[in-house]
Protein backbone atom coordinates (compact mmCIF):
# COMPACT_ATOMS: atom_id res chain seq x y z
CA MET A 1 0.00 0.00 0.00
CA LEU A 2 1.16 3.50 -0.83
CA ILE A 3 0.28 7.02 0.18
CA GLU A 4 1.52 9.57 -2.30
CA VAL A 5 2.68 12.91 -0.86
CA LYS A 6 2.98 15.93 -3.16
CA PRO A 7 3.48 19.60 -2.24
CA ASP A 8 0.29 20.71 -4.06
CA MET A 9 -1.92 18.31 -2.09
CA MET A 10 -3.85 19.12 1.06
CA LEU A 11 -3.82 17.09 4.27
CA LYS A 12 -7.34 15.87 3.46
CA ASP A 13 -5.91 14.22 0.32
CA LEU A 14 -3.50 12.13 2.42
CA LYS A 15 -6.30 11.29 4.83
CA LYS A 16 -8.50 10.11 1.97
CA GLN A 17 -5.75 7.87 0.54
CA PHE A 18 -5.35 6.17 3.93
CA HIS A 19 -9.09 5.92 4.48
CA ASN A 20 -9.49 4.15 1.12
CA TYR A 21 -7.30 1.33 2.47
CA TYR A 22 -8.84 1.31 5.95
CA PRO A 23 -12.43 2.63 6.02
CA GLN A 24 -12.73 2.04 9.77
CA LEU A 25 -9.58 4.03 10.58
CA LYS A 26 -8.52 7.59 10.00
CA ILE A 27 -5.41 9.69 10.39
CA GLU A 28 -5.06 13.19 11.79
CA PHE A 29 -2.11 15.53 11.56
CA PHE A 30 -0.77 17.64 14.42
CA ASN A 31 1.60 20.57 14.53
CA GLN A 32 3.76 18.83 17.12
CA SER A 33 4.40 15.26 18.18
CA ALA A 34 2.35 13.62 20.90
CA SER A 35 3.03 14.43 24.52
CA ALA A 36 5.17 12.22 26.73
CA GLY A 37 2.06 10.18 27.61
CA GLY A 38 1.48 9.56 23.93
CA HIS A 39 -1.72 11.59 23.59
CA ASN A 40 -2.34 14.49 21.24
CA SER A 41 -4.12 17.71 22.05
CA LYS A 42 -7.08 18.56 19.83
CA ASP A 43 -6.00 22.20 19.71
CA GLN A 44 -2.78 21.03 18.01
CA MET A 45 -4.71 19.29 15.19
CA LEU A 46 -4.02 20.73 11.74
CA PRO A 47 -6.89 21.74 9.45
CA ASN A 48 -7.86 19.49 6.55
CA ASP A 49 -7.35 22.15 3.89
CA ILE A 50 -3.72 23.04 4.68
CA LEU A 51 -1.33 22.58 1.75
CA ILE A 52 1.39 19.96 2.22
CA SER A 53 3.96 22.45 0.86
CA SER A 54 3.35 24.76 3.82
CA LEU A 55 4.50 21.92 6.10
CA THR A 56 7.12 20.07 4.06
CA GLY A 57 8.30 22.55 1.45
CA ASP A 58 8.88 20.98 -1.96
CA ARG A 59 9.44 17.50 -0.55
CA GLN A 60 7.42 14.74 -2.18
CA GLY A 61 7.41 10.97 -2.26
CA THR A 62 5.49 8.00 -0.95
CA ILE A 63 4.81 6.26 2.30
CA GLU A 64 4.85 2.50 1.75
CA PHE A 65 3.21 0.23 4.33
CA SER A 66 1.30 -3.03 4.69
CA GLY A 67 -1.37 -4.47 6.93
CA GLU A 68 1.42 -5.87 9.09
CA THR A 69 2.87 -2.42 9.71
CA SER A 70 2.33 -1.41 13.32
CA VAL A 71 0.61 1.86 14.14
CA ARG A 72 3.85 3.12 15.67
CA GLN A 73 5.86 2.21 12.55
CA PHE A 74 3.28 3.91 10.31
CA GLU A 75 3.34 7.11 12.35
CA THR A 76 7.14 7.04 12.43
CA LEU A 77 7.30 6.73 8.62
CA PHE A 78 5.45 10.04 8.27
CA SER A 79 7.59 11.70 10.90
CA GLU A 80 10.95 10.54 9.56
CA THR A 81 10.14 10.93 5.86
CA PHE A 82 8.17 14.19 5.83
CA GLN A 83 8.40 15.56 9.39
CA LEU A 84 4.61 15.22 9.61
CA ASN A 85 3.13 14.31 12.98
CA VAL A 86 0.35 11.83 12.31
CA GLN A 87 -1.91 9.85 14.64
CA VAL A 88 -4.06 6.84 13.72
CA PHE A 89 -7.63 6.74 15.04
CA ARG A 90 -10.05 3.78 15.13
CA LYS A 91 -13.84 3.93 14.80
CA SER A 92 -15.78 2.96 17.88
CA GLY A 93 -19.48 3.69 17.77
CA ASN A 94 -20.00 7.33 16.87
CA VAL A 95 -16.47 8.48 17.64
CA TYR A 96 -12.91 7.82 16.64
CA LEU A 97 -10.53 6.70 19.37
CA GLU A 98 -6.90 7.68 19.43
CA THR A 99 -4.89 4.44 19.16
CA THR A 100 -2.05 5.44 21.51
CA ASN A 101 -2.73 2.49 23.82
CA THR A 102 -2.48 0.05 20.91
CA ASP A 103 0.46 1.51 18.97
CA ASP A 104 2.05 -1.94 18.84
CA TRP A 105 -0.96 -3.38 16.99
CA THR A 106 -0.80 -3.71 13.23
CA LEU A 107 -3.03 -1.60 11.02
CA ASP A 108 -4.97 -4.76 10.15
CA GLN A 109 -5.56 -5.47 13.86
CA GLU A 110 -6.83 -1.93 14.43
CA HIS A 111 -9.17 -2.23 11.45
CA LYS A 112 -10.52 -5.60 12.61
CA GLU A 113 -11.14 -4.19 16.10
CA ALA A 114 -13.16 -1.35 14.58
CA LEU A 115 -15.14 -3.80 12.44
CA SER A 116 -15.90 -5.96 15.49
CA SER A 117 -17.47 -2.98 17.29
CA ILE A 118 -19.76 -2.46 14.29
CA MET A 119 -20.70 -6.16 14.27
CA LYS A 120 -21.66 -5.82 17.94
CA GLY A 121 -24.30 -3.34 16.85
CA GLU A 122 -22.54 -0.12 17.77
CA SER A 123 -23.36 2.65 15.33
CA ALA A 124 -20.47 3.76 13.19
CA ALA A 125 -18.99 7.21 12.74
CA THR A 126 -19.32 8.14 9.11
CA ASP A 127 -17.18 11.18 8.31
CA PHE A 128 -13.45 10.54 8.55
CA THR A 129 -12.76 14.26 8.03
CA ASP A 130 -14.91 15.36 10.98
CA ARG A 131 -12.46 16.62 13.58
CA ASP A 132 -15.14 16.61 16.30
CA GLN A 133 -15.78 12.87 16.21
CA TRP A 134 -12.93 12.21 18.57
CA GLU A 135 -12.71 10.95 22.10
């Protein structure tokens, strides 16, 4: 799996690429890395319509990952390659949960966990770009 990063894209374009692979997960970008406890502050979340070039300059390339990539490895790829602070979130009912407690899980495991909550009858959050569906 690949996420293409180009200077003329917006953050929402990267989010959509990821969401196409994992419809029950989403990524958010922050203007600084997570705190020592591993959690991000919502007021540090970057807007969806910010241009990649304003964060990375002219840098472009791809992030390559698989279902066996851990959440931590995935987040580190963005940080080391593009200096972008990303956090994976998992659907649970009507909200997305920050996956900091399960950073060692693979992306496939996170996705399956989200699917299992839907199978249990919990309603599912629908808009992966909605910054308020977060707990």
